[in-house]
Amino acid sequence: MMIPDNFEFYDGKIGWIDASKEAGPGNDGCPDQFEIMQYTGLHDSNGKEIYEGDVLRDENGDLYRVKFDGGQFQPLLRYGGTQVAIESIADMADYSSVIGNIYENADLLEERNGRNL
């Protein structure tokens, strides 16, 4: 994950991303090579920044995916094949921790052993 230096917009869409060398070789600034994640402005119980797409674990061991929807960030809990918004992300940030994200750790949200993961 990295913080880009600059975005260029064309017709209201991101057309180019200036990224420092940390983006790695072969990344020429084309936005199709990047997943844009929005920062929620919040920190988890360990002081780590929370971004859209992060996976949070609460004090009960339940896992949530952070999503921006309807003009706000929401923690989504998986019940079977459905993900349900439970509460405000601001309300749960202090008692949960970021354990990964859906881009690098998609398997975190798979259902295992009957638990909602």
PDB file of N, CA and C in Angstrom:
ATOM      1  N   MET A   1       0.848  -1.164   0.000  1.00  0.00           N
ATOM      2  CA  MET A   1       0.000   0.000   0.000  1.00  0.00           C
ATOM      3  C   MET A   1       0.900   1.234   0.000  1.00  0.00           C
ATOM      4  N   MET A   2       0.481   2.253  -0.694  1.00  0.00           N
ATOM      5  CA  MET A   2       1.270   3.475  -0.788  1.00  0.00           C
ATOM      6  C   MET A   2       0.362   4.690  -0.903  1.00  0.00           C
ATOM      7  N   ILE A   3       0.915   5.831  -0.638  1.00  0.00           N
ATOM      8  CA  ILE A   3       0.192   7.088  -0.786  1.00  0.00           C
ATOM      9  C   ILE A   3       0.696   7.745  -2.067  1.00  0.00           C
ATOM     10  N   PRO A   4      -0.185   7.983  -3.040  1.00  0.00           N
ATOM     11  CA  PRO A   4       0.254   8.600  -4.303  1.00  0.00           C
ATOM     12  C   PRO A   4       0.634  10.058  -4.100  1.00  0.00           C
ATOM     13  N   ASP A   5       1.477  10.526  -5.004  1.00  0.00           N
ATOM     14  CA  ASP A   5       1.920  11.914  -4.942  1.00  0.00           C
ATOM     15  C   ASP A   5       0.907  12.868  -5.571  1.00  0.00           C
ATOM     16  N   ASN A   6       0.224  12.407  -6.632  1.00  0.00           N
ATOM     17  CA  ASN A   6      -0.662  13.295  -7.369  1.00  0.00           C
ATOM     18  C   ASN A   6      -1.643  12.476  -8.210  1.00  0.00           C
ATOM     19  N   PHE A   7      -2.863  12.972  -8.339  1.00  0.00           N
ATOM     20  CA  PHE A   7      -3.869  12.400  -9.243  1.00  0.00           C
ATOM     21  C   PHE A   7      -4.157  13.407 -10.339  1.00  0.00           C
ATOM     22  N   GLU A   8      -4.279  12.962 -11.565  1.00  0.00           N
ATOM     23  CA  GLU A   8      -4.734  13.824 -12.653  1.00  0.00           C
ATOM     24  C   GLU A   8      -6.102  13.318 -13.086  1.00  0.00           C
ATOM     25  N   PHE A   9      -7.031  14.243 -13.228  1.00  0.00           N
ATOM     26  CA  PHE A   9      -8.397  13.893 -13.587  1.00  0.00           C
ATOM     27  C   PHE A   9      -8.698  14.333 -15.018  1.00  0.00           C
ATOM     28  N   TYR A  10      -9.401  13.474 -15.741  1.00  0.00           N
ATOM     29  CA  TYR A  10      -9.872  13.764 -17.098  1.00  0.00           C
ATOM     30  C   TYR A  10     -11.355  13.450 -17.139  1.00  0.00           C
ATOM     31  N   ASP A  11     -12.158  14.434 -17.493  1.00  0.00           N
ATOM     32  CA  ASP A  11     -13.616  14.275 -17.551  1.00  0.00           C
ATOM     33  C   ASP A  11     -14.184  13.700 -16.256  1.00  0.00           C
ATOM     34  N   GLY A  12     -13.660  14.158 -15.113  1.00  0.00           N
ATOM     35  CA  GLY A  12     -14.178  13.738 -13.816  1.00  0.00           C
ATOM     36  C   GLY A  12     -13.709  12.375 -13.329  1.00  0.00           C
ATOM     37  N   LYS A  13     -12.801  11.734 -14.054  1.00  0.00           N
ATOM     38  CA  LYS A  13     -12.291  10.422 -13.655  1.00  0.00           C
ATOM     39  C   LYS A  13     -10.779  10.478 -13.523  1.00  0.00           C
ATOM     40  N   ILE A  14     -10.233   9.614 -12.678  1.00  0.00           N
ATOM     41  CA  ILE A  14      -8.785   9.562 -12.531  1.00  0.00           C
ATOM     42  C   ILE A  14      -8.183   9.036 -13.822  1.00  0.00           C
ATOM     43  N   GLY A  15      -7.317   9.825 -14.428  1.00  0.00           N
ATOM     44  CA  GLY A  15      -6.688   9.419 -15.678  1.00  0.00           C
ATOM     45  C   GLY A  15      -5.216   9.088 -15.529  1.00  0.00           C
ATOM     46  N   TRP A  16      -4.602   9.562 -14.448  1.00  0.00           N
ATOM     47  CA  TRP A  16      -3.175   9.322 -14.254  1.00  0.00           C
ATOM     48  C   TRP A  16      -2.866   9.466 -12.770  1.00  0.00           C
ATOM     49  N   ILE A  17      -1.963   8.615 -12.278  1.00  0.00           N
ATOM     50  CA  ILE A  17      -1.541   8.679 -10.883  1.00  0.00           C
ATOM     51  C   ILE A  17      -0.030   8.803 -10.850  1.00  0.00           C
ATOM     52  N   ASP A  18       0.463   9.891 -10.263  1.00  0.00           N
ATOM     53  CA  ASP A  18       1.902  10.034 -10.037  1.00  0.00           C
ATOM     54  C   ASP A  18       2.223   9.321  -8.739  1.00  0.00           C
ATOM     55  N   ALA A  19       3.062   8.294  -8.851  1.00  0.00           N
ATOM     56  CA  ALA A  19       3.431   7.519  -7.675  1.00  0.00           C
ATOM     57  C   ALA A  19       4.949   7.444  -7.583  1.00  0.00           C
ATOM     58  N   SER A  20       5.453   7.492  -6.387  1.00  0.00           N
ATOM     59  CA  SER A  20       6.899   7.419  -6.190  1.00  0.00           C
ATOM     60  C   SER A  20       7.403   6.024  -6.529  1.00  0.00           C
ATOM     61  N   LYS A  21       8.687   5.837  -6.459  1.00  0.00           N
ATOM     62  CA  LYS A  21       9.294   4.573  -6.863  1.00  0.00           C
ATOM     63  C   LYS A  21       8.816   3.383  -6.036  1.00  0.00           C
ATOM     64  N   GLU A  22       8.173   3.617  -4.874  1.00  0.00           N
ATOM     65  CA  GLU A  22       7.665   2.526  -4.061  1.00  0.00           C
ATOM     66  C   GLU A  22       6.576   1.734  -4.769  1.00  0.00           C
ATOM     67  N   ALA A  23       5.999   2.297  -5.829  1.00  0.00           N
ATOM     68  CA  ALA A  23       4.967   1.581  -6.573  1.00  0.00           C
ATOM     69  C   ALA A  23       5.540   0.369  -7.278  1.00  0.00           C
ATOM     70  N   GLY A  24       6.842   0.361  -7.486  1.00  0.00           N
ATOM     71  CA  GLY A  24       7.496  -0.794  -8.088  1.00  0.00           C
ATOM     72  C   GLY A  24       7.683  -0.628  -9.574  1.00  0.00           C
ATOM     73  N   PRO A  25       8.528  -1.465 -10.147  1.00  0.00           N
ATOM     74  CA  PRO A  25       8.771  -1.384 -11.594  1.00  0.00           C
ATOM     75  C   PRO A  25       7.534  -1.779 -12.389  1.00  0.00           C
ATOM     76  N   GLY A  26       7.362  -1.150 -13.514  1.00  0.00           N
ATOM     77  CA  GLY A  26       6.245  -1.486 -14.394  1.00  0.00           C
ATOM     78  C   GLY A  26       4.983  -0.705 -14.122  1.00  0.00           C
ATOM     79  N   ASN A  27       4.934   0.063 -13.058  1.00  0.00           N
ATOM     80  CA  ASN A  27       3.766   0.883 -12.766  1.00  0.00           C
ATOM     81  C   ASN A  27       3.963   2.244 -13.403  1.00  0.00           C
ATOM     82  N   ASP A  28       3.249   2.486 -14.492  1.00  0.00           N
ATOM     83  CA  ASP A  28       3.470   3.701 -15.269  1.00  0.00           C
ATOM     84  C   ASP A  28       2.483   4.812 -14.971  1.00  0.00           C
ATOM     85  N   GLY A  29       1.669   4.681 -13.933  1.00  0.00           N
ATOM     86  CA  GLY A  29       0.719   5.721 -13.578  1.00  0.00           C
ATOM     87  C   GLY A  29      -0.686   5.482 -14.081  1.00  0.00           C
ATOM     88  N   CYS A  30      -0.886   4.452 -14.879  1.00  0.00           N
ATOM     89  CA  CYS A  30      -2.221   4.120 -15.351  1.00  0.00           C
ATOM     90  C   CYS A  30      -3.079   3.705 -14.156  1.00  0.00           C
ATOM     91  N   PRO A  31      -4.236   4.323 -13.952  1.00  0.00           N
ATOM     92  CA  PRO A  31      -5.038   4.040 -12.762  1.00  0.00           C
ATOM     93  C   PRO A  31      -5.550   2.605 -12.688  1.00  0.00           C
ATOM     94  N   ASP A  32      -5.574   1.888 -13.798  1.00  0.00           N
ATOM     95  CA  ASP A  32      -6.031   0.497 -13.771  1.00  0.00           C
ATOM     96  C   ASP A  32      -5.093  -0.410 -12.976  1.00  0.00           C
ATOM     97  N   GLN A  33      -3.894   0.061 -12.694  1.00  0.00           N
ATOM     98  CA  GLN A  33      -2.909  -0.728 -11.955  1.00  0.00           C
ATOM     99  C   GLN A  33      -3.044  -0.564 -10.442  1.00  0.00           C
ATOM    100  N   PHE A  34      -3.923   0.307  -9.999  1.00  0.00           N
ATOM    101  CA  PHE A  34      -4.023   0.631  -8.581  1.00  0.00           C
ATOM    102  C   PHE A  34      -5.448   0.429  -8.081  1.00  0.00           C
ATOM    103  N   GLU A  35      -5.588   0.085  -6.804  1.00  0.00           N
ATOM    104  CA  GLU A  35      -6.864   0.099  -6.105  1.00  0.00           C
ATOM    105  C   GLU A  35      -6.837   1.343  -5.230  1.00  0.00           C
ATOM    106  N   ILE A  36      -7.763   2.239  -5.436  1.00  0.00           N
ATOM    107  CA  ILE A  36      -7.826   3.469  -4.661  1.00  0.00           C
ATOM    108  C   ILE A  36      -8.622   3.186  -3.384  1.00  0.00           C
ATOM    109  N   MET A  37      -8.010   3.441  -2.242  1.00  0.00           N
ATOM    110  CA  MET A  37      -8.650   3.210  -0.951  1.00  0.00           C
ATOM    111  C   MET A  37      -8.826   4.553  -0.247  1.00  0.00           C
ATOM    112  N   GLN A  38     -10.004   4.783   0.319  1.00  0.00           N
ATOM    113  CA  GLN A  38     -10.267   6.028   1.027  1.00  0.00           C
ATOM    114  C   GLN A  38      -9.965   5.863   2.513  1.00  0.00           C
ATOM    115  N   TYR A  39      -9.327   6.856   3.093  1.00  0.00           N
ATOM    116  CA  TYR A  39      -9.038   6.868   4.525  1.00  0.00           C
ATOM    117  C   TYR A  39     -10.280   7.319   5.274  1.00  0.00           C
ATOM    118  N   THR A  40     -10.648   6.613   6.337  1.00  0.00           N
ATOM    119  CA  THR A  40     -11.853   6.938   7.106  1.00  0.00           C
ATOM    120  C   THR A  40     -11.660   8.121   8.046  1.00  0.00           C
ATOM    121  N   GLY A  41     -10.405   8.467   8.332  1.00  0.00           N
ATOM    122  CA  GLY A  41     -10.129   9.508   9.325  1.00  0.00           C
ATOM    123  C   GLY A  41     -10.083   8.947  10.739  1.00  0.00           C
ATOM    124  N   LEU A  42     -10.180   7.609  10.863  1.00  0.00           N
ATOM    125  CA  LEU A  42     -10.207   6.953  12.164  1.00  0.00           C
ATOM    126  C   LEU A  42      -9.003   6.029  12.349  1.00  0.00           C
ATOM    127  N   HIS A  43      -8.735   5.699  13.603  1.00  0.00           N
ATOM    128  CA  HIS A  43      -7.676   4.748  13.964  1.00  0.00           C
ATOM    129  C   HIS A  43      -8.291   3.605  14.764  1.00  0.00           C
ATOM    130  N   ASP A  44      -7.727   2.415  14.631  1.00  0.00           N
ATOM    131  CA  ASP A  44      -8.204   1.273  15.407  1.00  0.00           C
ATOM    132  C   ASP A  44      -7.651   1.326  16.833  1.00  0.00           C
ATOM    133  N   SER A  45      -7.915   0.284  17.610  1.00  0.00           N
ATOM    134  CA  SER A  45      -7.497   0.266  19.017  1.00  0.00           C
ATOM    135  C   SER A  45      -5.981   0.267  19.186  1.00  0.00           C
ATOM    136  N   ASN A  46      -5.237  -0.048  18.117  1.00  0.00           N
ATOM    137  CA  ASN A  46      -3.775  -0.034  18.149  1.00  0.00           C
ATOM    138  C   ASN A  46      -3.181   1.230  17.534  1.00  0.00           C
ATOM    139  N   GLY A  47      -4.030   2.168  17.131  1.00  0.00           N
ATOM    140  CA  GLY A  47      -3.566   3.408  16.535  1.00  0.00           C
ATOM    141  C   GLY A  47      -3.325   3.333  15.039  1.00  0.00           C
ATOM    142  N   LYS A  48      -3.685   2.207  14.397  1.00  0.00           N
ATOM    143  CA  LYS A  48      -3.491   2.046  12.954  1.00  0.00           C
ATOM    144  C   LYS A  48      -4.635   2.719  12.191  1.00  0.00           C
ATOM    145  N   GLU A  49      -4.298   3.404  11.081  1.00  0.00           N
ATOM    146  CA  GLU A  49      -5.316   4.057  10.260  1.00  0.00           C
ATOM    147  C   GLU A  49      -6.260   3.027   9.650  1.00  0.00           C
ATOM    148  N   ILE A  50      -7.554   3.376   9.566  1.00  0.00           N
ATOM    149  CA  ILE A  50      -8.569   2.496   8.988  1.00  0.00           C
ATOM    150  C   ILE A  50      -8.960   3.031   7.620  1.00  0.00           C
ATOM    151  N   TYR A  51      -8.875   2.168   6.602  1.00  0.00           N
ATOM    152  CA  TYR A  51      -9.210   2.526   5.223  1.00  0.00           C
ATOM    153  C   TYR A  51     -10.383   1.694   4.720  1.00  0.00           C
ATOM    154  N   GLU A  52     -11.058   2.215   3.705  1.00  0.00           N
ATOM    155  CA  GLU A  52     -12.068   1.432   3.008  1.00  0.00           C
ATOM    156  C   GLU A  52     -11.395   0.159   2.498  1.00  0.00           C
ATOM    157  N   GLY A  53     -12.056  -0.984   2.668  1.00  0.00           N
ATOM    158  CA  GLY A  53     -11.502  -2.260   2.240  1.00  0.00           C
ATOM    159  C   GLY A  53     -10.744  -2.985   3.332  1.00  0.00           C
ATOM    160  N   ASP A  54     -10.500  -2.317   4.471  1.00  0.00           N
ATOM    161  CA  ASP A  54      -9.834  -2.996   5.575  1.00  0.00           C
ATOM    162  C   ASP A  54     -10.768  -4.019   6.205  1.00  0.00           C
ATOM    163  N   VAL A  55     -10.171  -5.025   6.824  1.00  0.00           N
ATOM    164  CA  VAL A  55     -10.909  -6.020   7.594  1.00  0.00           C
ATOM    165  C   VAL A  55     -10.588  -5.770   9.059  1.00  0.00           C
ATOM    166  N   LEU A  56     -11.649  -5.587   9.855  1.00  0.00           N
ATOM    167  CA  LEU A  56     -11.510  -5.320  11.289  1.00  0.00           C
ATOM    168  C   LEU A  56     -11.959  -6.534  12.090  1.00  0.00           C
ATOM    169  N   ARG A  57     -11.283  -6.785  13.211  1.00  0.00           N
ATOM    170  CA  ARG A  57     -11.726  -7.806  14.159  1.00  0.00           C
ATOM    171  C   ARG A  57     -12.119  -7.087  15.441  1.00  0.00           C
ATOM    172  N   ASP A  58     -13.349  -7.365  15.933  1.00  0.00           N
ATOM    173  CA  ASP A  58     -13.784  -6.731  17.181  1.00  0.00           C
ATOM    174  C   ASP A  58     -13.399  -7.597  18.370  1.00  0.00           C
ATOM    175  N   GLU A  59     -13.770  -7.146  19.564  1.00  0.00           N
ATOM    176  CA  GLU A  59     -13.396  -7.841  20.796  1.00  0.00           C
ATOM    177  C   GLU A  59     -14.028  -9.226  20.934  1.00  0.00           C
ATOM    178  N   ASN A  60     -15.083  -9.509  20.153  1.00  0.00           N
ATOM    179  CA  ASN A  60     -15.725 -10.824  20.169  1.00  0.00           C
ATOM    180  C   ASN A  60     -15.153 -11.769  19.118  1.00  0.00           C
ATOM    181  N   GLY A  61     -14.223 -11.269  18.301  1.00  0.00           N
ATOM    182  CA  GLY A  61     -13.630 -12.089  17.256  1.00  0.00           C
ATOM    183  C   GLY A  61     -14.364 -12.019  15.929  1.00  0.00           C
ATOM    184  N   ASP A  62     -15.447 -11.236  15.854  1.00  0.00           N
ATOM    185  CA  ASP A  62     -16.177 -11.083  14.595  1.00  0.00           C
ATOM    186  C   ASP A  62     -15.378 -10.207  13.649  1.00  0.00           C
ATOM    187  N   LEU A  63     -15.481 -10.506  12.350  1.00  0.00           N
ATOM    188  CA  LEU A  63     -14.754  -9.765  11.332  1.00  0.00           C
ATOM    189  C   LEU A  63     -15.696  -8.901  10.518  1.00  0.00           C
ATOM    190  N   TYR A  64     -15.237  -7.701  10.183  1.00  0.00           N
ATOM    191  CA  TYR A  64     -16.016  -6.721   9.440  1.00  0.00           C
ATOM    192  C   TYR A  64     -15.188  -6.196   8.277  1.00  0.00           C
ATOM    193  N   ARG A  65     -15.873  -5.914   7.181  1.00  0.00           N
ATOM    194  CA  ARG A  65     -15.245  -5.253   6.032  1.00  0.00           C
ATOM    195  C   ARG A  65     -15.700  -3.802   6.042  1.00  0.00           C
ATOM    196  N   VAL A  66     -14.754  -2.886   5.898  1.00  0.00           N
ATOM    197  CA  VAL A  66     -15.070  -1.458   5.876  1.00  0.00           C
ATOM    198  C   VAL A  66     -15.428  -1.064   4.445  1.00  0.00           C
ATOM    199  N   LYS A  67     -16.606  -0.467   4.290  1.00  0.00           N
ATOM    200  CA  LYS A  67     -17.072  -0.064   2.963  1.00  0.00           C
ATOM    201  C   LYS A  67     -17.624   1.355   3.022  1.00  0.00           C
ATOM    202  N   PHE A  68     -17.391   2.114   1.938  1.00  0.00           N
ATOM    203  CA  PHE A  68     -17.978   3.447   1.810  1.00  0.00           C
ATOM    204  C   PHE A  68     -19.250   3.295   1.007  1.00  0.00           C
ATOM    205  N   ASP A  69     -20.386   3.616   1.611  1.00  0.00           N
ATOM    206  CA  ASP A  69     -21.671   3.436   0.950  1.00  0.00           C
ATOM    207  C   ASP A  69     -22.663   4.455   1.497  1.00  0.00           C
ATOM    208  N   GLY A  70     -23.436   5.044   0.629  1.00  0.00           N
ATOM    209  CA  GLY A  70     -24.442   6.005   1.057  1.00  0.00           C
ATOM    210  C   GLY A  70     -23.859   7.229   1.742  1.00  0.00           C
ATOM    211  N   GLY A  71     -22.647   7.625   1.319  1.00  0.00           N
ATOM    212  CA  GLY A  71     -22.030   8.817   1.867  1.00  0.00           C
ATOM    213  C   GLY A  71     -21.342   8.622   3.209  1.00  0.00           C
ATOM    214  N   GLN A  72     -21.186   7.367   3.647  1.00  0.00           N
ATOM    215  CA  GLN A  72     -20.517   7.123   4.925  1.00  0.00           C
ATOM    216  C   GLN A  72     -19.774   5.792   4.913  1.00  0.00           C
ATOM    217  N   PHE A  73     -18.805   5.667   5.817  1.00  0.00           N
ATOM    218  CA  PHE A  73     -18.088   4.412   5.986  1.00  0.00           C
ATOM    219  C   PHE A  73     -18.905   3.512   6.896  1.00  0.00           C
ATOM    220  N   GLN A  74     -19.020   2.241   6.518  1.00  0.00           N
ATOM    221  CA  GLN A  74     -19.801   1.296   7.302  1.00  0.00           C
ATOM    222  C   GLN A  74     -19.007   0.018   7.531  1.00  0.00           C
ATOM    223  N   PRO A  75     -19.116  -0.567   8.735  1.00  0.00           N
ATOM    224  CA  PRO A  75     -18.542  -1.889   8.957  1.00  0.00           C
ATOM    225  C   PRO A  75     -19.588  -2.938   8.583  1.00  0.00           C
ATOM    226  N   LEU A  76     -19.244  -3.844   7.674  1.00  0.00           N
ATOM    227  CA  LEU A  76     -20.179  -4.873   7.239  1.00  0.00           C
ATOM    228  C   LEU A  76     -19.802  -6.206   7.865  1.00  0.00           C
ATOM    229  N   LEU A  77     -20.769  -6.842   8.530  1.00  0.00           N
ATOM    230  CA  LEU A  77     -20.576  -8.153   9.130  1.00  0.00           C
ATOM    231  C   LEU A  77     -21.231  -9.179   8.231  1.00  0.00           C
ATOM    232  N   ARG A  78     -20.566 -10.284   7.997  1.00  0.00           N
ATOM    233  CA  ARG A  78     -21.101 -11.322   7.123  1.00  0.00           C
ATOM    234  C   ARG A  78     -21.975 -12.293   7.913  1.00  0.00           C
ATOM    235  N   TYR A  79     -23.210 -12.466   7.445  1.00  0.00           N
ATOM    236  CA  TYR A  79     -24.126 -13.476   7.967  1.00  0.00           C
ATOM    237  C   TYR A  79     -24.451 -14.402   6.819  1.00  0.00           C
ATOM    238  N   GLY A  80     -23.870 -15.579   6.809  1.00  0.00           N
ATOM    239  CA  GLY A  80     -24.070 -16.488   5.686  1.00  0.00           C
ATOM    240  C   GLY A  80     -23.555 -15.839   4.424  1.00  0.00           C
ATOM    241  N   GLY A  81     -24.385 -15.709   3.398  1.00  0.00           N
ATOM    242  CA  GLY A  81     -23.974 -15.107   2.145  1.00  0.00           C
ATOM    243  C   GLY A  81     -24.241 -13.622   2.062  1.00  0.00           C
ATOM    244  N   THR A  82     -24.729 -13.014   3.137  1.00  0.00           N
ATOM    245  CA  THR A  82     -25.100 -11.605   3.131  1.00  0.00           C
ATOM    246  C   THR A  82     -24.192 -10.807   4.062  1.00  0.00           C
ATOM    247  N   GLN A  83     -23.867  -9.585   3.668  1.00  0.00           N
ATOM    248  CA  GLN A  83     -23.115  -8.698   4.543  1.00  0.00           C
ATOM    249  C   GLN A  83     -24.042  -7.585   4.992  1.00  0.00           C
ATOM    250  N   VAL A  84     -24.091  -7.356   6.303  1.00  0.00           N
ATOM    251  CA  VAL A  84     -25.026  -6.414   6.895  1.00  0.00           C
ATOM    252  C   VAL A  84     -24.265  -5.324   7.643  1.00  0.00           C
ATOM    253  N   ALA A  85     -24.658  -4.052   7.423  1.00  0.00           N
ATOM    254  CA  ALA A  85     -24.060  -2.946   8.176  1.00  0.00           C
ATOM    255  C   ALA A  85     -24.560  -3.025   9.608  1.00  0.00           C
ATOM    256  N   ILE A  86     -23.639  -3.044  10.561  1.00  0.00           N
ATOM    257  CA  ILE A  86     -23.997  -3.259  11.959  1.00  0.00           C
ATOM    258  C   ILE A  86     -24.140  -1.960  12.738  1.00  0.00           C
ATOM    259  N   GLU A  87     -23.137  -1.116  12.711  1.00  0.00           N
ATOM    260  CA  GLU A  87     -23.150   0.138  13.470  1.00  0.00           C
ATOM    261  C   GLU A  87     -22.227   1.131  12.789  1.00  0.00           C
ATOM    262  N   SER A  88     -22.061   2.243  13.403  1.00  0.00           N
ATOM    263  CA  SER A  88     -21.161   3.258  12.860  1.00  0.00           C
ATOM    264  C   SER A  88     -19.715   2.806  13.019  1.00  0.00           C
ATOM    265  N   ILE A  89     -18.908   3.041  12.000  1.00  0.00           N
ATOM    266  CA  ILE A  89     -17.486   2.699  12.076  1.00  0.00           C
ATOM    267  C   ILE A  89     -16.818   3.498  13.197  1.00  0.00           C
ATOM    268  N   ALA A  90     -17.266   4.728  13.426  1.00  0.00           N
ATOM    269  CA  ALA A  90     -16.689   5.549  14.498  1.00  0.00           C
ATOM    270  C   ALA A  90     -16.960   4.937  15.861  1.00  0.00           C
ATOM    271  N   ASP A  91     -18.126   4.297  16.032  1.00  0.00           N
ATOM    272  CA  ASP A  91     -18.476   3.686  17.308  1.00  0.00           C
ATOM    273  C   ASP A  91     -17.633   2.458  17.620  1.00  0.00           C
ATOM    274  N   MET A  92     -17.191   1.735  16.591  1.00  0.00           N
ATOM    275  CA  MET A  92     -16.465   0.490  16.855  1.00  0.00           C
ATOM    276  C   MET A  92     -14.954   0.601  16.683  1.00  0.00           C
ATOM    277  N   ALA A  93     -14.458   1.708  16.204  1.00  0.00           N
ATOM    278  CA  ALA A  93     -13.020   1.844  15.940  1.00  0.00           C
ATOM    279  C   ALA A  93     -12.177   1.618  17.188  1.00  0.00           C
ATOM    280  N   ASP A  94     -12.624   2.112  18.329  1.00  0.00           N
ATOM    281  CA  ASP A  94     -11.832   2.018  19.554  1.00  0.00           C
ATOM    282  C   ASP A  94     -11.711   0.608  20.114  1.00  0.00           C
ATOM    283  N   TYR A  95     -12.616  -0.299  19.740  1.00  0.00           N
ATOM    284  CA  TYR A  95     -12.536  -1.655  20.276  1.00  0.00           C
ATOM    285  C   TYR A  95     -12.339  -2.716  19.195  1.00  0.00           C
ATOM    286  N   SER A  96     -11.774  -2.324  18.063  1.00  0.00           N
ATOM    287  CA  SER A  96     -11.478  -3.281  16.999  1.00  0.00           C
ATOM    288  C   SER A  96     -10.079  -3.005  16.460  1.00  0.00           C
ATOM    289  N   SER A  97      -9.555  -3.978  15.715  1.00  0.00           N
ATOM    290  CA  SER A  97      -8.222  -3.798  15.145  1.00  0.00           C
ATOM    291  C   SER A  97      -8.205  -4.228  13.687  1.00  0.00           C
ATOM    292  N   VAL A  98      -7.403  -3.534  12.891  1.00  0.00           N
ATOM    293  CA  VAL A  98      -7.228  -3.864  11.478  1.00  0.00           C
ATOM    294  C   VAL A  98      -6.343  -5.110  11.407  1.00  0.00           C
ATOM    295  N   ILE A  99      -6.846  -6.160  10.729  1.00  0.00           N
ATOM    296  CA  ILE A  99      -6.057  -7.392  10.601  1.00  0.00           C
ATOM    297  C   ILE A  99      -5.675  -7.683   9.152  1.00  0.00           C
ATOM    298  N   GLY A 100      -6.084  -6.826   8.233  1.00  0.00           N
ATOM    299  CA  GLY A 100      -5.756  -7.001   6.822  1.00  0.00           C
ATOM    300  C   GLY A 100      -6.694  -6.173   5.975  1.00  0.00           C
ATOM    301  N   ASN A 101      -6.736  -6.489   4.677  1.00  0.00           N
ATOM    302  CA  ASN A 101      -7.664  -5.807   3.785  1.00  0.00           C
ATOM    303  C   ASN A 101      -8.133  -6.779   2.708  1.00  0.00           C
ATOM    304  N   ILE A 102      -9.193  -6.397   2.009  1.00  0.00           N
ATOM    305  CA  ILE A 102      -9.811  -7.307   1.034  1.00  0.00           C
ATOM    306  C   ILE A 102      -8.958  -7.493  -0.213  1.00  0.00           C
ATOM    307  N   TYR A 103      -7.956  -6.653  -0.416  1.00  0.00           N
ATOM    308  CA  TYR A 103      -7.115  -6.758  -1.596  1.00  0.00           C
ATOM    309  C   TYR A 103      -5.967  -7.740  -1.389  1.00  0.00           C
ATOM    310  N   GLU A 104      -5.398  -7.733  -0.208  1.00  0.00           N
ATOM    311  CA  GLU A 104      -4.257  -8.601   0.088  1.00  0.00           C
ATOM    312  C   GLU A 104      -4.641  -9.836   0.892  1.00  0.00           C
ATOM    313  N   ASN A 105      -5.817  -9.820   1.551  1.00  0.00           N
ATOM    314  CA  ASN A 105      -6.232 -10.903   2.437  1.00  0.00           C
ATOM    315  C   ASN A 105      -7.692 -11.268   2.213  1.00  0.00           C
ATOM    316  N   ALA A 106      -8.092 -11.489   0.976  1.00  0.00           N
ATOM    317  CA  ALA A 106      -9.502 -11.769   0.656  1.00  0.00           C
ATOM    318  C   ALA A 106     -10.032 -12.981   1.413  1.00  0.00           C
ATOM    319  N   ASP A 107      -9.176 -13.918   1.737  1.00  0.00           N
ATOM    320  CA  ASP A 107      -9.604 -15.130   2.430  1.00  0.00           C
ATOM    321  C   ASP A 107     -10.055 -14.875   3.862  1.00  0.00           C
ATOM    322  N   LEU A 108      -9.762 -13.727   4.436  1.00  0.00           N
ATOM    323  CA  LEU A 108     -10.166 -13.434   5.811  1.00  0.00           C
ATOM    324  C   LEU A 108     -11.674 -13.456   5.999  1.00  0.00           C
ATOM    325  N   LEU A 109     -12.419 -13.125   4.965  1.00  0.00           N
ATOM    326  CA  LEU A 109     -13.871 -13.031   5.097  1.00  0.00           C
ATOM    327  C   LEU A 109     -14.604 -14.299   4.678  1.00  0.00           C
ATOM    328  N   GLU A 110     -13.865 -15.360   4.395  1.00  0.00           N
ATOM    329  CA  GLU A 110     -14.513 -16.620   4.062  1.00  0.00           C
ATOM    330  C   GLU A 110     -15.097 -17.229   5.325  1.00  0.00           C
ATOM    331  N   GLU A 111     -16.254 -17.875   5.175  1.00  0.00           N
ATOM    332  CA  GLU A 111     -16.908 -18.486   6.320  1.00  0.00           C
ATOM    333  C   GLU A 111     -16.226 -19.807   6.646  1.00  0.00           C
ATOM    334  N   ARG A 112     -15.825 -19.978   7.913  1.00  0.00           N
ATOM    335  CA  ARG A 112     -15.156 -21.200   8.342  1.00  0.00           C
ATOM    336  C   ARG A 112     -15.775 -21.701   9.645  1.00  0.00           C
ATOM    337  N   ASN A 113     -15.963 -22.997   9.718  1.00  0.00           N
ATOM    338  CA  ASN A 113     -16.420 -23.660  10.943  1.00  0.00           C
ATOM    339  C   ASN A 113     -17.669 -23.016  11.545  1.00  0.00           C
ATOM    340  N   GLY A 114     -18.588 -22.548  10.696  1.00  0.00           N
ATOM    341  CA  GLY A 114     -19.839 -21.989  11.170  1.00  0.00           C
ATOM    342  C   GLY A 114     -19.753 -20.589  11.757  1.00  0.00           C
ATOM    343  N   ARG A 115     -18.538 -20.021  11.860  1.00  0.00           N
ATOM    344  CA  ARG A 115     -18.401 -18.657  12.383  1.00  0.00           C
ATOM    345  C   ARG A 115     -18.515 -17.658  11.249  1.00  0.00           C
ATOM    346  N   ASN A 116     -18.952 -16.486  11.571  1.00  0.00           N
ATOM    347  CA  ASN A 116     -19.070 -15.417  10.569  1.00  0.00           C
ATOM    348  C   ASN A 116     -17.729 -14.727  10.417  1.00  0.00           C
ATOM    349  N   LEU A 117     -16.950 -15.183   9.440  1.00  0.00           N
ATOM    350  CA  LEU A 117     -15.623 -14.614   9.247  1.00  0.00           C
ATOM    351  C   LEU A 117     -15.509 -13.863   7.965  1.00  0.00           C
TER     352      LEU A 117
END
